[in-house]
Protein backbone atom coordinates (compact mmCIF):
# COMPACT_ATOMS: atom_id res chain seq x y z
CA MET A 1 116.17 100.57 99.46
CA LEU A 2 116.84 100.22 95.74
CA ASP A 3 119.71 101.80 93.87
CA ASN A 4 118.61 104.23 91.15
CA ARG A 5 120.96 103.10 88.37
CA GLY A 6 118.02 102.46 86.06
CA GLY A 7 118.01 98.65 86.02
CA GLU A 8 115.02 96.42 86.60
CA ALA A 9 113.94 95.31 90.07
CA THR A 10 112.84 91.80 90.96
CA ILE A 11 109.88 91.31 93.28
CA THR A 12 109.43 87.87 94.84
CA VAL A 13 105.92 86.76 95.75
CA PRO A 14 106.12 84.11 98.47
CA ALA A 15 104.22 80.83 98.53
CA TYR A 16 101.09 82.34 100.07
CA THR A 17 98.55 80.43 102.12
CA GLY A 18 96.24 78.39 99.89
CA MET A 19 98.45 78.75 96.80
CA LYS A 20 97.39 76.28 94.09
CA GLU A 21 98.22 75.52 90.50
CA GLY A 22 95.94 77.46 88.18
CA HIS A 23 95.88 80.62 90.27
CA SER A 24 96.82 83.87 88.48
CA VAL A 25 99.14 86.37 90.13
CA ARG A 26 100.38 89.83 89.28
CA VAL A 27 102.31 92.56 91.10
CA THR A 28 101.40 96.26 91.32
CA TRP A 29 104.00 99.01 91.75
CA ALA A 30 102.28 102.23 92.87
CA ASN A 31 104.01 105.57 93.21
CA ASN A 32 102.34 108.53 91.49
CA ILE A 33 100.52 106.01 89.25
CA ASN A 34 99.78 102.30 89.43
CA TRP A 35 101.80 100.01 87.16
CA ASP A 36 100.98 96.30 86.84
CA THR A 37 103.28 93.51 85.78
CA ALA A 38 102.13 90.84 83.35
CA VAL A 39 99.95 88.14 84.90
CA GLN A 40 101.67 84.83 85.71
CA ASP A 41 99.88 81.54 86.25
CA VAL A 42 100.89 79.34 89.14
CA ASN A 43 102.40 76.20 87.64
CA THR A 44 104.24 75.04 90.76
CA VAL A 45 103.46 75.98 94.35
CA GLY A 46 106.37 78.12 95.52
CA PRO A 47 107.86 81.62 95.29
CA MET A 48 107.27 83.56 92.04
CA LYS A 49 109.47 86.33 90.61
CA PHE A 50 108.20 89.44 88.81
CA LYS A 51 110.21 92.17 87.05
CA ILE A 52 109.54 95.85 87.67
CA ARG A 53 110.66 97.68 84.55
CA ASN A 54 113.35 100.31 84.85
CA THR A 55 111.04 103.20 83.90
CA GLU A 56 109.09 102.65 87.12
CA ILE A 57 112.29 102.53 89.18
CA ILE A 58 113.52 105.78 87.61
CA ASP A 59 110.15 107.40 88.20
CA THR A 60 110.47 106.67 91.93
CA ILE A 61 113.97 108.18 92.43
CA GLY A 62 114.07 109.93 95.79
CA GLY A 63 110.68 108.52 96.74
CA SER A 64 108.87 105.30 97.49
CA ALA A 65 106.35 102.93 95.96
CA ASN A 66 103.70 100.74 97.53
CA VAL A 67 104.12 97.19 96.22
CA ASN A 68 101.65 94.35 96.55
CA TYR A 69 100.31 91.40 94.60
CA THR A 70 96.84 90.16 93.72
CA VAL A 71 95.66 86.60 93.24
CA VAL A 72 92.76 85.35 91.11
CA THR A 73 91.84 81.83 92.15
CA ALA A 74 89.57 81.00 89.20
CA PRO A 75 88.33 82.64 85.99
CA GLY A 76 85.81 85.33 86.89
CA ALA A 77 86.70 85.24 90.59
CA PRO A 78 87.43 88.58 92.30
CA PRO A 79 91.12 89.40 92.88
CA ILE A 80 92.49 88.95 96.38
CA ALA A 81 95.07 91.58 97.32
CA SER A 82 98.02 91.17 99.64
CA THR A 83 99.19 93.80 102.10
CA HIS A 84 101.55 96.49 100.79
CA THR A 85 105.31 96.68 101.16
CA ILE A 86 106.98 100.07 100.90
CA CYS A 87 109.95 100.11 98.53
CA ARG A 88 112.23 103.15 98.54
CA VAL A 89 114.52 104.25 95.70
CA GLN A 90 117.52 106.32 96.72
CA ASP A 91 117.83 109.92 95.60
CA ASN A 92 120.69 111.33 93.55
CA PRO A 93 123.51 112.79 95.67
CA PRO A 94 124.10 116.56 95.90
CA PRO A 95 124.03 118.67 93.84
CA PHE A 96 121.71 116.48 91.75
CA GLU A 97 119.15 115.59 94.39
CA SER A 98 115.43 116.21 93.80
CA MET A 99 115.56 116.15 89.98
CA SER A 100 111.88 116.77 89.33
CA PRO A 101 110.29 115.80 86.00
CA PRO A 102 110.49 118.35 83.18
CA THR A 103 107.45 120.32 82.08
CA LEU A 104 106.24 120.75 78.52
CA GLN A 105 104.26 123.60 76.98
CA GLY A 106 103.82 123.16 73.25
CA LEU A 107 107.31 122.29 72.03
CA ASN A 108 109.05 124.11 74.88
CA LEU A 109 110.44 121.68 77.43
CA ARG A 110 111.64 123.14 80.72
CA ILE A 111 114.08 121.53 83.14
CA PRO A 112 112.92 122.91 86.51
CA LYS A 113 116.26 122.78 88.35
CA SER A 114 118.90 125.44 88.86
CA GLY A 115 122.29 124.49 87.50
CA GLN A 116 125.88 125.36 86.70
CA THR A 117 127.56 126.11 83.38
CA ASN A 118 129.88 123.09 83.65
CA TRP A 119 127.00 120.62 83.91
CA ALA A 120 126.21 118.52 80.82
CA ILE A 121 122.48 117.99 80.28
CA ARG A 122 120.58 115.79 77.85
CA VAL A 123 116.84 115.46 77.28
CA ARG A 124 115.47 111.99 76.53
CA TRP A 125 112.12 111.23 74.84
CA TYR A 126 111.15 107.57 75.18
CA HIS A 127 108.26 105.26 74.28
CA PRO A 128 108.75 102.07 76.35
CA GLU A 129 106.32 99.85 74.45
CA SER A 130 107.99 100.33 71.06
CA GLY A 131 111.50 101.12 72.29
CA TRP A 132 111.52 104.37 70.26
CA GLN A 133 113.78 106.98 71.82
CA GLN A 134 115.73 110.10 70.99
CA GLU A 135 118.14 112.28 72.93
CA SER A 136 118.99 115.96 72.60
CA PRO A 137 122.49 117.23 72.00
CA ILE A 138 124.41 118.12 75.17
CA LEU A 139 122.90 121.27 76.70
CA HIS A 140 124.45 123.78 79.10
CA TYR A 141 123.16 126.45 81.45
CA GLY A 142 123.95 129.99 80.36
CA TYR A 143 125.19 131.11 83.80
CA ASN A 144 125.79 129.63 87.24
CA GLY A 145 122.63 129.49 89.31
CA GLN A 146 120.31 129.74 86.30
CA PRO A 147 116.95 128.63 87.76
CA TYR A 148 115.82 126.49 84.82
CA LEU A 149 116.85 125.39 81.33
CA ASP A 150 114.62 125.39 78.23
CA TYR A 151 114.86 123.10 75.21
CA THR A 152 112.78 123.13 72.03
CA VAL A 153 111.56 119.62 71.25
CA PRO A 154 112.01 118.72 67.57
CA GLN A 155 108.67 118.51 65.76
CA ALA A 156 109.76 115.13 64.36
CA TRP A 157 109.71 113.64 67.86
CA VAL A 158 106.09 114.67 68.24
CA THR A 159 105.08 113.51 64.76
CA GLU A 160 106.70 110.11 65.25
CA ASN A 161 104.80 109.49 68.48
CA ARG A 162 101.28 110.64 67.75
CA GLY A 163 98.79 108.56 69.68
CA ARG A 164 101.36 107.43 72.24
CA GLU A 165 102.18 108.14 75.85
CA VAL A 166 105.88 108.99 75.98
CA TYR A 167 108.26 109.24 78.91
CA ILE A 168 110.39 112.40 78.98
CA ASN A 169 113.25 113.04 81.37
CA TYR A 170 116.73 114.53 81.46
CA SER A 171 120.20 113.60 82.68
CA MET A 172 122.91 115.69 84.31
CA SER A 173 126.61 115.11 84.84
CA VAL A 174 129.90 116.91 85.49
CA GLY A 175 133.03 115.84 83.62
CA THR A 176 133.47 112.09 83.74
CA ASP A 177 131.33 111.61 86.85
CA ARG A 178 128.38 109.26 86.78
CA ILE A 179 125.29 110.50 84.92
CA ARG A 180 122.30 111.32 87.13
CA ILE A 181 118.74 111.02 85.84
CA SER A 182 115.46 112.72 86.65
CA ARG A 183 112.01 111.33 87.16
CA TYR A 184 109.72 111.16 84.13
CA LEU A 185 107.09 113.38 82.63
CA ARG A 186 104.52 110.97 81.15
CA TYR A 187 103.07 112.81 78.20
CA ASN A 188 100.12 112.00 75.95
CA VAL A 189 101.26 113.15 72.51
CA THR A 190 97.78 112.89 71.00
CA ALA A 191 96.51 115.67 73.23
CA ALA A 192 99.57 117.81 72.48
CA ASP A 193 99.48 117.63 68.71
CA GLN A 194 96.02 118.94 67.87
CA PRO A 195 95.28 122.02 65.71
CA ALA A 196 94.73 125.21 67.65
CA SER A 197 91.13 125.90 68.59
CA THR A 198 89.24 128.29 66.33
CA GLY A 199 86.63 129.13 68.93
CA ILE A 200 83.95 127.89 66.49
CA SER A 201 82.23 124.65 67.35
CA ARG A 202 81.52 122.05 64.72
CA GLY A 203 77.75 122.27 64.31
CA SER A 204 75.09 121.39 61.81
CA ASP A 205 74.88 124.78 60.05
CA PRO A 206 76.65 124.37 56.64
CA ALA A 207 77.95 127.95 56.47
CA THR A 208 79.37 127.85 59.99
CA GLN A 209 80.83 124.41 59.33
CA ALA A 210 82.52 125.58 56.13
CA LEU A 211 83.98 128.61 57.91
CA ALA A 212 85.29 126.43 60.74
CA ASP A 213 86.86 123.97 58.31
CA SER A 214 88.49 126.81 56.38
CA LEU A 215 89.96 128.35 59.52
CA VAL A 216 91.29 124.99 60.73
CA SER A 217 92.96 124.42 57.35
CA MET A 218 94.56 127.87 57.49
CA LEU A 219 95.87 127.27 61.00
CA GLN A 220 97.30 123.91 60.03
CA ALA A 221 99.04 125.48 57.02
CA LEU A 222 100.50 128.24 59.23
CA LYS A 223 101.68 125.62 61.74
CA ARG A 224 103.47 123.67 58.98
CA TRP A 225 105.03 126.88 57.66
CA PHE A 226 106.36 127.94 61.10
CA ASN A 227 107.76 124.45 61.71
CA SER A 228 109.45 124.18 58.30
């Protein structure tokens, strides 16, 4: 079982039967989605080490992943898959166990866990490929036992990440105790940042098209005004 402190994990692929120089190997970490490491070429027959990035470890907190590796023996050859190994990542201790991913509706992000007023909460918005990330100020529940906590995502976070899949999660702590982290919401910002639908399809009729374009422009202007 892996600790959930957010560091990388190292997977060792053994010297499998028939291993030869020139083979290509990669590892797959599969929990709610499949994530593949970079491909490594076999330069020397022997064990090979692969890193599982910390986002995948965090996204498996309190659960397990199926891990295996595939081998391509020559260019164009079909991949040969190994059997799976189950890798478990420990859950957070009470009262922070089962920290489900947040949900997002428009700019309203909801932390779906009941909490206490003395807990300190932060929301994190992260794009692993670029390293771009932002955190919210410290948030607090309004009363003990509040069933969820809402946070309005700054429009700038959305604007900065158009066309990207971002990873959104939150952390919780009490006093100087260790910070506990939730699993991720993986969110496609492109789909979230489109103008509202007008109900009018873009067709070939010039009058209808002009009306649709005008309504879209008006809605975009209203959106900018409300967000200013």
